[in-house]
Amino acid sequence: MVDCGAEAVFLRGLFASLNAASIRYAVMRNHHFLPDSTGGSDLDILIHPADASRAHAATLAAIEEAGGVPIGCSRTVGFFKIYALGQVPKSAPAQWWGLCLDFNEGLYFNGLRLLDEASPLPLQNNKGIPALADGLAGVLGVLKEALNNDVFSTRYAPAARGATGADWPQIAALLAPMGTPALAQLRAMLLSTLPPEQMGSECARLRQAFFQHSAAREGRWRVRWQGLVFQLSKLKRYAQPSGLVLAVLGVDGAGKSTLINAILPALNAATHNAVTVRHLRPTVLPPLARLKGKRSQPTGPVLEPHGAPPSGPLGSVLRLAYLSADYLLGYWLWTRPKIAKVPAVVMFDRYAYDMVLDPRRFRIALPARMVSWFAALAPKPDLIICLHGDAETIAARKGELTLAETQRQVEALRAFAAREPRAVLVSTDTDLTQTRDAVLGVICACLRTRSQGKR
């Protein structure tokens, strides 16, 4: 599990690093537990645009100092997001921490400025950490949700409504780039008695008033150009995905599901719950059994993986082609968008390589070389964890396969890991905590080499 003390080690180092570099920043919300914890939330920080590059460097240095590594960093105009995972150096037992950090370089919407960066922000001091005054934090929270998602946030509304009185002149001055009509619409929304679910049209009016003011101030074509640059910065993330694709392989009884459940808390903390687990394949294509007219599909573990007889040569080829198509289509339509939008983690319990390691499970009866050709069509994960161990111990856990078949698959998996550069063997002969720490350590090592531009 994730250790709160370990998270505090990173947070204290992060704020010490930002303060020592004289970076102009303020925590936007959820600052009450800092610097010991974020209270289970992500960390939103507003930084002066001129300090953005130094803030990025200071954050990476703090991550490394706390024994961590960035899973990835996704960028758009005026914003960058870092997901980090780490283990406190020399801690025994291992203390894992993970955190999602959002950095706003000023405040922008669709590439257009919302906040006057020259005006001083109303701040409160929280144990040496500058944080936005609650009223301004609430207004900015409502504003971002309204502009980006057409949603009136009930989470930030109470603090925002409290700022519509004596604090409003200062807030209006800070948000002057929005224009007077948009500010009037924002204040009217905060004072409105309409239920939140009926505020969608009011959010649209706010956005329209902001765009009209921006067009009058900067010119319609300049506004369109800035919007285009913003959208292109989002598309760039798809060319260079920041997330991680992980596959966990192992014979039945090796402990794949148990191991995945053990590493999930740290990965979820690091990605703010942006971890998705799939069994075997992306499943953008329906199961073959459904195409044959079977309505109900088994949802639990496969108790007899070799129970059904293999298909003939033609049926085996069709199965291979269908599964390979799901991997290819699934990557570009499902996996790639997930790891490109944010530094998310997509984890597969088994993968295309299982078609080679255990073809009988897929009712495939073809030469191994042909099966390997089809399996090679599947996009490669960033990291492949191969769980292995004593065959007798593994076979005794479930009893789904004979000892001889278990031994064969264990040896086949070891041979696969020896020739596949992305594969790492991890023994499950130790206790679960040791296996978990070994796998998380391998993931961090993979991320560290990737961040250095290596494989």
Protein backbone atom coordinates (compact mmCIF):
# COMPACT_ATOMS: atom_id res chain seq x y z
CA MET A 1 0.00 0.00 0.00
CA VAL A 2 1.01 3.65 -0.41
CA ASP A 3 2.70 5.17 2.65
CA CYS A 4 1.52 8.65 3.75
CA GLY A 5 4.89 9.26 5.37
CA ALA A 6 6.57 8.54 2.05
CA GLU A 7 4.29 11.06 0.32
CA ALA A 8 5.29 13.63 2.94
CA VAL A 9 8.97 13.07 2.13
CA PHE A 10 8.33 14.04 -1.48
CA LEU A 11 5.98 16.95 -0.72
CA ARG A 12 8.34 18.56 1.77
CA GLY A 13 11.18 18.24 -0.71
CA LEU A 14 9.05 19.66 -3.53
CA PHE A 15 8.02 22.82 -1.68
CA ALA A 16 11.53 23.32 -0.30
CA SER A 17 12.84 23.10 -3.88
CA LEU A 18 10.24 25.58 -5.23
CA ASN A 19 10.87 28.02 -2.38
CA ALA A 20 14.66 27.79 -2.68
CA ALA A 21 14.43 28.61 -6.39
CA SER A 22 12.24 31.69 -5.63
CA ILE A 23 9.58 30.39 -7.99
CA ARG A 24 6.36 32.39 -7.94
CA TYR A 25 3.67 29.81 -7.22
CA ALA A 26 0.55 29.14 -5.18
CA VAL A 27 -1.32 25.94 -4.37
CA MET A 28 -4.75 26.35 -5.92
CA ARG A 29 -6.83 24.10 -3.64
CA ASN A 30 -6.73 21.20 -1.14
CA HIS A 31 -3.84 22.76 0.77
CA HIS A 32 -5.03 22.04 4.32
CA PHE A 33 -3.11 18.75 4.74
CA LEU A 34 0.12 20.04 3.19
CA PRO A 35 3.03 19.47 3.41
CA ASP A 36 2.28 16.04 4.88
CA SER A 37 -0.37 14.90 2.43
CA THR A 38 -2.68 15.99 -0.38
CA GLY A 39 -5.60 14.28 1.32
CA GLY A 40 -5.95 11.74 -1.48
CA SER A 41 -6.29 14.42 -4.17
CA ASP A 42 -3.98 15.61 -6.91
CA LEU A 43 -1.87 18.73 -6.39
CA ASP A 44 -2.89 21.83 -8.38
CA ILE A 45 -0.30 24.60 -8.51
CA LEU A 46 -0.53 28.00 -10.19
CA ILE A 47 2.86 29.30 -11.34
CA HIS A 48 3.96 32.49 -13.06
CA PRO A 49 4.53 31.70 -16.77
CA ALA A 50 8.03 33.15 -16.63
CA ASP A 51 8.95 30.55 -13.98
CA ALA A 52 7.44 27.54 -15.73
CA SER A 53 10.66 25.95 -16.98
CA ARG A 54 12.37 26.38 -13.60
CA ALA A 55 9.32 24.95 -11.81
CA HIS A 56 9.43 21.91 -14.11
CA ALA A 57 13.14 21.36 -13.42
CA ALA A 58 12.70 21.84 -9.66
CA THR A 59 9.84 19.33 -9.61
CA LEU A 60 11.84 16.68 -11.47
CA ALA A 61 14.74 17.23 -9.06
CA ALA A 62 12.41 16.81 -6.05
CA ILE A 63 10.95 13.61 -7.56
CA GLU A 64 14.44 12.16 -8.00
CA GLU A 65 15.51 13.24 -4.50
CA ALA A 66 12.54 11.33 -3.02
CA GLY A 67 13.52 8.16 -4.87
CA GLY A 68 10.94 8.66 -7.59
CA VAL A 69 10.63 8.90 -11.32
CA PRO A 70 8.04 10.58 -13.54
CA ILE A 71 5.66 8.18 -15.26
CA GLY A 72 5.28 10.93 -17.82
CA CYS A 73 4.58 14.59 -18.46
CA SER A 74 1.78 15.80 -20.74
CA ARG A 75 1.73 19.39 -22.00
CA THR A 76 -0.68 21.83 -23.58
CA VAL A 77 -0.47 25.60 -23.95
CA GLY A 78 -0.22 27.09 -20.45
CA PHE A 79 -0.38 23.76 -18.63
CA PHE A 80 1.65 20.66 -17.83
CA LYS A 81 0.82 17.53 -15.82
CA ILE A 82 3.33 15.20 -14.17
CA TYR A 83 2.53 11.76 -12.74
CA ALA A 84 5.25 10.50 -10.39
CA LEU A 85 5.95 7.20 -8.63
CA GLY A 86 8.70 6.43 -6.17
CA GLN A 87 10.13 4.71 -3.15
CA VAL A 88 11.78 6.62 -0.30
CA PRO A 89 15.52 5.91 -0.62
CA LYS A 90 16.89 3.22 1.71
CA SER A 91 13.54 2.78 3.44
CA ALA A 92 12.95 -0.60 5.07
CA PRO A 93 10.34 -1.87 4.59
CA ALA A 94 9.75 -0.21 1.22
CA GLN A 95 7.72 3.01 1.44
CA TRP A 96 6.02 3.76 -1.88
CA TRP A 97 4.49 7.06 -2.83
CA GLY A 98 2.70 8.35 -5.91
CA LEU A 99 1.25 11.72 -6.86
CA CYS A 100 -0.35 13.59 -9.73
CA LEU A 101 0.78 17.21 -10.13
CA ASP A 102 -1.00 19.80 -12.28
CA PHE A 103 0.87 23.02 -13.07
CA ASN A 104 -1.04 25.97 -14.50
CA GLU A 105 1.29 28.48 -16.19
CA GLY A 106 -0.99 31.40 -15.46
CA LEU A 107 -4.57 30.56 -16.39
CA TYR A 108 -5.69 29.96 -19.97
CA PHE A 109 -8.68 28.64 -21.86
CA ASN A 110 -8.27 27.49 -25.45
CA GLY A 111 -4.95 29.33 -25.56
CA LEU A 112 -6.49 32.62 -24.35
CA ARG A 113 -5.46 34.32 -21.13
CA LEU A 114 -7.94 34.48 -18.23
CA LEU A 115 -5.75 35.88 -15.45
CA ASP A 116 -3.84 39.15 -15.19
CA GLU A 117 -0.36 37.89 -14.40
CA ALA A 118 0.92 41.34 -13.36
CA SER A 119 -1.53 41.71 -10.45
CA PRO A 120 -0.61 40.32 -7.02
CA LEU A 121 -2.63 37.28 -5.96
CA PRO A 122 -4.47 37.14 -2.60
CA LEU A 123 -2.55 34.42 -0.76
CA GLN A 124 -2.62 32.63 2.56
CA ASN A 125 0.40 31.04 4.22
CA ASN A 126 0.00 27.37 5.03
CA LYS A 127 3.09 26.22 6.97
CA GLY A 128 5.41 28.08 4.63
CA ILE A 129 3.45 27.09 1.50
CA PRO A 130 1.67 29.90 -0.39
CA ALA A 131 -1.93 29.02 -1.25
CA LEU A 132 -4.67 30.96 -2.99
CA ALA A 133 -7.25 32.64 -0.78
CA ASP A 134 -10.30 30.38 -0.50
CA GLY A 135 -12.58 32.79 -2.36
CA LEU A 136 -10.34 33.11 -5.40
CA ALA A 137 -9.65 29.37 -5.39
CA GLY A 138 -13.40 28.71 -5.45
CA VAL A 139 -14.02 31.18 -8.29
CA LEU A 140 -11.21 29.68 -10.39
CA GLY A 141 -12.53 26.18 -9.73
CA VAL A 142 -16.03 27.13 -10.90
CA LEU A 143 -14.61 29.02 -13.88
CA LYS A 144 -12.47 26.14 -15.15
CA GLU A 145 -15.29 23.59 -14.85
CA ALA A 146 -17.75 25.92 -16.59
CA LEU A 147 -15.47 26.74 -19.52
CA ASN A 148 -14.01 23.28 -20.06
CA ASN A 149 -16.88 20.96 -19.17
CA ASP A 150 -20.13 23.02 -19.25
CA VAL A 151 -20.58 22.09 -15.59
CA PHE A 152 -21.38 24.33 -12.63
CA SER A 153 -19.23 22.84 -9.88
CA THR A 154 -21.03 22.38 -6.57
CA ARG A 155 -17.66 21.46 -5.06
CA TYR A 156 -16.23 24.97 -5.48
CA ALA A 157 -19.49 26.94 -5.45
CA PRO A 158 -19.72 27.68 -1.68
CA ALA A 159 -16.29 29.35 -1.52
CA ALA A 160 -16.88 31.09 -4.85
CA ARG A 161 -20.25 32.48 -3.73
CA GLY A 162 -18.61 33.81 -0.59
CA ALA A 163 -16.25 35.84 -2.79
CA THR A 164 -19.02 37.68 -4.68
CA GLY A 165 -19.26 40.31 -1.91
CA ALA A 166 -16.33 42.37 -0.66
CA ASP A 167 -13.75 40.21 -2.50
CA TRP A 168 -15.31 40.62 -5.94
CA PRO A 169 -13.57 43.87 -7.00
CA GLN A 170 -10.14 42.31 -6.44
CA ILE A 171 -11.14 39.06 -8.17
CA ALA A 172 -12.64 40.99 -11.10
CA ALA A 173 -9.37 42.93 -11.46
CA LEU A 174 -7.40 39.66 -11.54
CA LEU A 175 -9.76 38.22 -14.17
CA ALA A 176 -9.90 41.45 -16.22
CA PRO A 177 -8.60 39.67 -19.39
CA MET A 178 -11.97 37.86 -19.50
CA GLY A 179 -13.82 41.12 -20.19
CA THR A 180 -16.63 42.87 -18.33
CA PRO A 181 -19.54 40.94 -19.97
CA ALA A 182 -17.98 37.56 -19.12
CA LEU A 183 -17.25 38.64 -15.54
CA ALA A 184 -20.84 39.81 -15.15
CA GLN A 185 -22.06 36.45 -16.44
CA LEU A 186 -19.75 34.59 -14.06
CA ARG A 187 -20.99 36.56 -11.07
CA ALA A 188 -24.61 36.06 -12.13
CA MET A 189 -23.97 32.30 -12.26
CA LEU A 190 -22.50 32.35 -8.76
CA LEU A 191 -25.55 34.19 -7.43
CA SER A 192 -28.06 32.14 -9.41
CA THR A 193 -30.55 29.91 -7.61
CA LEU A 194 -30.91 27.54 -10.57
CA PRO A 195 -30.07 23.90 -9.82
CA PRO A 196 -26.61 22.87 -11.10
CA GLU A 197 -28.04 20.54 -13.75
CA GLN A 198 -29.77 23.50 -15.41
CA MET A 199 -26.63 25.65 -15.62
CA GLY A 200 -25.26 24.23 -18.86
CA SER A 201 -26.70 27.04 -20.98
CA GLU A 202 -25.29 29.61 -18.54
CA CYS A 203 -21.84 28.06 -18.95
CA ALA A 204 -22.21 28.34 -22.73
CA ARG A 205 -23.12 32.05 -22.38
CA LEU A 206 -20.03 32.59 -20.24
CA ARG A 207 -17.81 31.00 -22.86
CA GLN A 208 -19.45 33.01 -25.67
CA ALA A 209 -19.00 36.30 -23.80
CA PHE A 210 -15.33 35.48 -23.20
CA PHE A 211 -14.68 34.65 -26.87
CA GLN A 212 -16.46 37.80 -28.06
CA HIS A 213 -14.36 39.97 -25.76
CA SER A 214 -11.15 38.20 -26.83
CA ALA A 215 -12.01 38.68 -30.51
CA ALA A 216 -12.72 42.39 -29.98
CA ARG A 217 -9.48 42.85 -28.00
CA GLU A 218 -7.04 40.76 -30.06
CA GLY A 219 -8.79 40.28 -33.40
CA ARG A 220 -10.89 37.36 -34.60
CA TRP A 221 -8.08 35.78 -36.63
CA ARG A 222 -5.61 35.95 -33.76
CA VAL A 223 -8.13 34.25 -31.48
CA ARG A 224 -8.62 31.51 -34.07
CA TRP A 225 -4.87 31.10 -34.46
CA GLN A 226 -4.34 30.79 -30.71
CA GLY A 227 -7.12 28.22 -30.57
CA LEU A 228 -5.45 26.27 -33.37
CA VAL A 229 -2.09 26.34 -31.60
CA PHE A 230 -3.79 25.08 -28.44
CA GLN A 231 -5.47 22.18 -30.27
CA LEU A 232 -2.20 21.30 -32.01
CA SER A 233 -0.46 21.15 -28.64
CA LYS A 234 -3.06 18.57 -27.59
CA LEU A 235 -2.53 16.57 -30.79
CA LYS A 236 1.21 16.54 -30.15
CA ARG A 237 0.55 14.39 -27.11
CA TYR A 238 -0.75 11.66 -29.42
CA ALA A 239 2.51 11.69 -31.37
CA GLN A 240 4.51 11.27 -28.16
CA PRO A 241 2.35 9.47 -25.57
CA SER A 242 3.40 10.07 -21.98
CA GLY A 243 1.66 7.06 -20.42
CA LEU A 244 2.81 3.49 -19.87
CA VAL A 245 1.61 0.17 -21.34
CA LEU A 246 2.42 -2.78 -19.11
CA ALA A 247 1.80 -6.51 -19.69
CA VAL A 248 1.94 -9.17 -16.97
CA LEU A 249 2.58 -12.72 -18.17
CA GLY A 250 2.67 -15.97 -16.27
CA VAL A 251 1.35 -19.50 -16.25
CA ASP A 252 -1.94 -20.22 -14.41
CA GLY A 253 -1.14 -20.13 -10.70
CA ALA A 254 1.85 -17.79 -11.02
CA GLY A 255 -0.10 -15.06 -9.20
CA LYS A 256 -0.79 -12.49 -11.92
CA SER A 257 -4.09 -11.23 -10.48
CA THR A 258 -2.71 -11.13 -6.95
CA LEU A 259 0.36 -9.22 -8.09
CA ILE A 260 -1.69 -6.73 -10.11
CA ASN A 261 -3.91 -6.03 -7.10
CA ALA A 262 -0.79 -5.50 -4.98
CA ILE A 263 0.80 -2.87 -7.25
CA LEU A 264 -2.44 -1.04 -8.07
CA PRO A 265 -2.52 1.21 -4.94
CA ALA A 266 0.85 2.80 -5.75
CA LEU A 267 0.05 3.17 -9.45
CA ASN A 268 -3.40 4.62 -8.74
CA ALA A 269 -1.90 7.15 -6.32
CA ALA A 270 0.69 8.14 -8.94
CA THR A 271 -1.90 8.60 -11.70
CA HIS A 272 -4.90 9.84 -9.68
CA ASN A 273 -6.67 6.55 -10.49
CA ALA A 274 -5.82 6.65 -14.20
CA VAL A 275 -4.92 2.93 -14.29
CA THR A 276 -6.92 0.60 -16.51
CA VAL A 277 -6.56 -3.19 -16.36
CA ARG A 278 -7.62 -5.41 -19.26
CA HIS A 279 -7.59 -9.19 -19.42
CA LEU A 280 -5.60 -10.42 -22.42
CA ARG A 281 -6.64 -7.83 -25.06
CA PRO A 282 -8.21 -4.38 -25.55
CA THR A 283 -11.61 -5.95 -26.45
CA VAL A 284 -12.66 -3.30 -28.97
CA LEU A 285 -13.88 -6.34 -30.93
CA PRO A 286 -16.48 -8.57 -29.22
CA PRO A 287 -15.60 -12.10 -28.05
CA LEU A 288 -15.65 -14.70 -30.78
CA ALA A 289 -18.29 -16.67 -28.88
CA ARG A 290 -20.70 -13.74 -29.14
CA LEU A 291 -20.28 -13.69 -32.92
CA LYS A 292 -21.33 -17.34 -32.88
CA GLY A 293 -24.57 -16.41 -31.13
CA LYS A 294 -23.68 -17.19 -27.51
CA ARG A 295 -25.27 -14.52 -25.33
CA SER A 296 -23.67 -15.23 -21.96
CA GLN A 297 -19.93 -14.96 -21.52
CA PRO A 298 -17.87 -16.26 -18.58
CA THR A 299 -16.76 -13.41 -16.33
CA GLY A 300 -14.70 -15.32 -13.75
CA PRO A 301 -11.40 -17.18 -14.09
CA VAL A 302 -11.06 -19.86 -16.74
CA LEU A 303 -11.14 -23.12 -14.80
CA GLU A 304 -10.32 -25.38 -17.74
CA PRO A 305 -8.03 -23.44 -20.10
CA HIS A 306 -7.41 -26.57 -22.19
CA GLY A 307 -10.91 -27.98 -21.88
CA ALA A 308 -12.14 -27.23 -25.42
CA PRO A 309 -10.53 -29.00 -28.41
CA PRO A 310 -8.36 -26.93 -30.81
CA SER A 311 -9.89 -25.60 -34.01
CA GLY A 312 -8.85 -26.88 -37.40
CA PRO A 313 -6.27 -25.07 -39.54
CA LEU A 314 -8.78 -22.62 -41.07
CA GLY A 315 -10.47 -21.93 -37.73
CA SER A 316 -7.08 -21.42 -36.07
CA VAL A 317 -6.03 -18.89 -38.71
CA LEU A 318 -9.32 -17.03 -38.31
CA ARG A 319 -8.85 -16.93 -34.53
CA LEU A 320 -5.33 -15.59 -34.90
CA ALA A 321 -6.40 -12.95 -37.41
CA TYR A 322 -9.33 -11.84 -35.26
CA LEU A 323 -7.25 -11.52 -32.08
CA SER A 324 -4.45 -9.73 -33.94
CA ALA A 325 -6.98 -7.27 -35.40
CA ASP A 326 -8.24 -6.53 -31.89
CA TYR A 327 -4.72 -5.73 -30.70
CA LEU A 328 -4.05 -3.43 -33.65
CA LEU A 329 -7.40 -1.64 -33.65
CA GLY A 330 -7.52 -1.61 -29.86
CA TYR A 331 -4.17 0.11 -29.59
CA TRP A 332 -4.99 2.98 -31.95
CA LEU A 333 -8.64 3.38 -30.94
CA TRP A 334 -8.43 2.68 -27.21
CA THR A 335 -4.94 2.25 -25.71
CA ARG A 336 -3.14 5.08 -27.51
CA PRO A 337 -5.75 7.76 -26.67
CA LYS A 338 -5.60 6.74 -23.00
CA ILE A 339 -1.83 7.02 -22.66
CA ALA A 340 -1.66 10.15 -24.83
CA LYS A 341 -4.24 12.32 -23.08
CA VAL A 342 -2.55 11.96 -19.68
CA PRO A 343 0.38 9.85 -18.38
CA ALA A 344 -2.02 6.99 -17.63
CA VAL A 345 -1.11 3.33 -17.12
CA VAL A 346 -2.75 0.59 -19.19
CA MET A 347 -2.05 -2.87 -17.79
CA PHE A 348 -2.80 -6.20 -19.45
CA ASP A 349 -3.28 -9.42 -17.50
CA ARG A 350 -1.83 -11.67 -20.27
CA TYR A 351 -1.10 -10.36 -23.76
CA ALA A 352 -0.67 -11.45 -27.37
CA TYR A 353 2.48 -13.39 -26.45
CA ASP A 354 0.26 -15.92 -24.65
CA MET A 355 -0.92 -17.09 -28.06
CA VAL A 356 2.63 -18.40 -28.59
CA LEU A 357 3.31 -19.52 -25.04
CA ASP A 358 -0.01 -21.35 -24.61
CA PRO A 359 -1.78 -21.79 -28.00
CA ARG A 360 -4.15 -24.46 -26.65
CA ARG A 361 -5.79 -21.85 -24.41
CA PHE A 362 -6.92 -20.09 -27.62
CA ARG A 363 -7.85 -23.34 -29.40
CA ILE A 364 -5.10 -22.71 -31.93
CA ALA A 365 -3.42 -25.65 -33.67
CA LEU A 366 -0.83 -24.17 -36.02
CA PRO A 367 2.98 -24.19 -36.30
CA ALA A 368 4.64 -22.05 -33.63
CA ARG A 369 6.37 -19.91 -36.26
CA MET A 370 3.03 -18.93 -37.83
CA VAL A 371 1.53 -18.08 -34.44
CA SER A 372 4.61 -15.95 -33.70
CA TRP A 373 4.07 -13.99 -36.92
CA PHE A 374 0.57 -13.04 -35.87
CA ALA A 375 1.59 -12.25 -32.28
CA ALA A 376 4.31 -9.93 -33.61
CA LEU A 377 1.59 -7.76 -35.19
CA ALA A 378 0.42 -6.65 -31.74
CA PRO A 379 1.91 -3.30 -30.62
CA LYS A 380 4.62 -3.93 -28.04
CA PRO A 381 4.03 -2.87 -24.44
CA ASP A 382 6.61 -0.58 -22.84
CA LEU A 383 7.36 -3.26 -20.25
CA ILE A 384 6.55 -6.97 -19.96
CA ILE A 385 6.62 -8.51 -16.47
CA CYS A 386 7.15 -12.29 -16.67
CA LEU A 387 6.20 -14.03 -13.43
CA HIS A 388 7.94 -17.36 -12.91
CA GLY A 389 8.86 -19.71 -10.10
CA ASP A 390 8.97 -23.32 -9.01
CA ALA A 391 6.70 -25.32 -11.32
CA GLU A 392 5.47 -27.69 -8.58
CA THR A 393 4.47 -24.80 -6.34
CA ILE A 394 2.68 -23.00 -9.20
CA ALA A 395 0.84 -26.14 -10.35
CA ALA A 396 -0.36 -26.85 -6.81
CA ARG A 397 -1.97 -23.40 -6.41
CA LYS A 398 -4.80 -23.95 -8.88
CA GLY A 399 -4.50 -27.40 -10.35
CA GLU A 400 -5.79 -26.19 -13.71
CA LEU A 401 -2.79 -27.53 -15.63
CA THR A 402 -0.69 -30.66 -15.24
CA LEU A 403 2.75 -30.37 -13.70
CA ALA A 404 4.33 -31.22 -17.05
CA GLU A 405 2.38 -28.48 -18.86
CA THR A 406 3.15 -25.98 -16.10
CA GLN A 407 6.85 -26.79 -16.36
CA ARG A 408 6.74 -26.42 -20.15
CA GLN A 409 5.10 -23.00 -19.95
CA VAL A 410 7.49 -21.78 -17.25
CA GLU A 411 10.47 -22.74 -19.41
CA ALA A 412 8.85 -21.19 -22.50
CA LEU A 413 8.27 -17.95 -20.59
CA ARG A 414 11.90 -17.87 -19.42
CA ALA A 415 13.09 -18.41 -23.00
CA PHE A 416 10.77 -15.62 -24.20
CA ALA A 417 12.13 -13.21 -21.58
CA ALA A 418 15.70 -14.06 -22.57
CA ARG A 419 15.15 -12.94 -26.17
CA GLU A 420 12.67 -10.07 -25.63
CA PRO A 421 14.42 -6.80 -24.58
CA ARG A 422 11.26 -5.38 -22.99
CA ALA A 423 10.67 -8.43 -20.78
CA VAL A 424 11.84 -8.82 -17.18
CA LEU A 425 11.65 -12.04 -15.16
CA VAL A 426 10.32 -11.68 -11.62
CA SER A 427 10.18 -14.65 -9.28
CA THR A 428 7.03 -15.34 -7.28
CA ASP A 429 8.80 -17.82 -4.98
CA THR A 430 9.16 -15.00 -2.41
CA ASP A 431 6.32 -13.47 -0.39
CA LEU A 432 3.85 -11.07 -2.00
CA THR A 433 5.39 -7.92 -0.50
CA GLN A 434 8.81 -8.77 -1.93
CA THR A 435 7.31 -9.58 -5.33
CA ARG A 436 5.31 -6.33 -5.30
CA ASP A 437 8.41 -4.30 -4.44
CA ALA A 438 10.42 -6.07 -7.12
CA VAL A 439 7.80 -5.32 -9.80
CA LEU A 440 7.37 -1.67 -8.76
CA GLY A 441 11.16 -1.36 -8.77
CA VAL A 442 11.28 -2.75 -12.31
CA ILE A 443 8.58 -0.29 -13.40
CA CYS A 444 10.56 2.62 -11.91
CA ALA A 445 13.75 1.42 -13.61
CA CYS A 446 11.91 1.24 -16.94
CA LEU A 447 10.52 4.75 -16.49
CA ARG A 448 13.91 6.09 -15.45
CA THR A 449 15.66 4.75 -18.56
CA ARG A 450 12.79 5.97 -20.73
CA SER A 451 13.05 9.48 -19.27
CA GLN A 452 16.73 9.44 -20.23
CA GLY A 453 15.80 8.67 -23.83
CA LYS A 454 16.88 5.05 -23.60
CA ARG A 455 14.99 1.81 -24.13
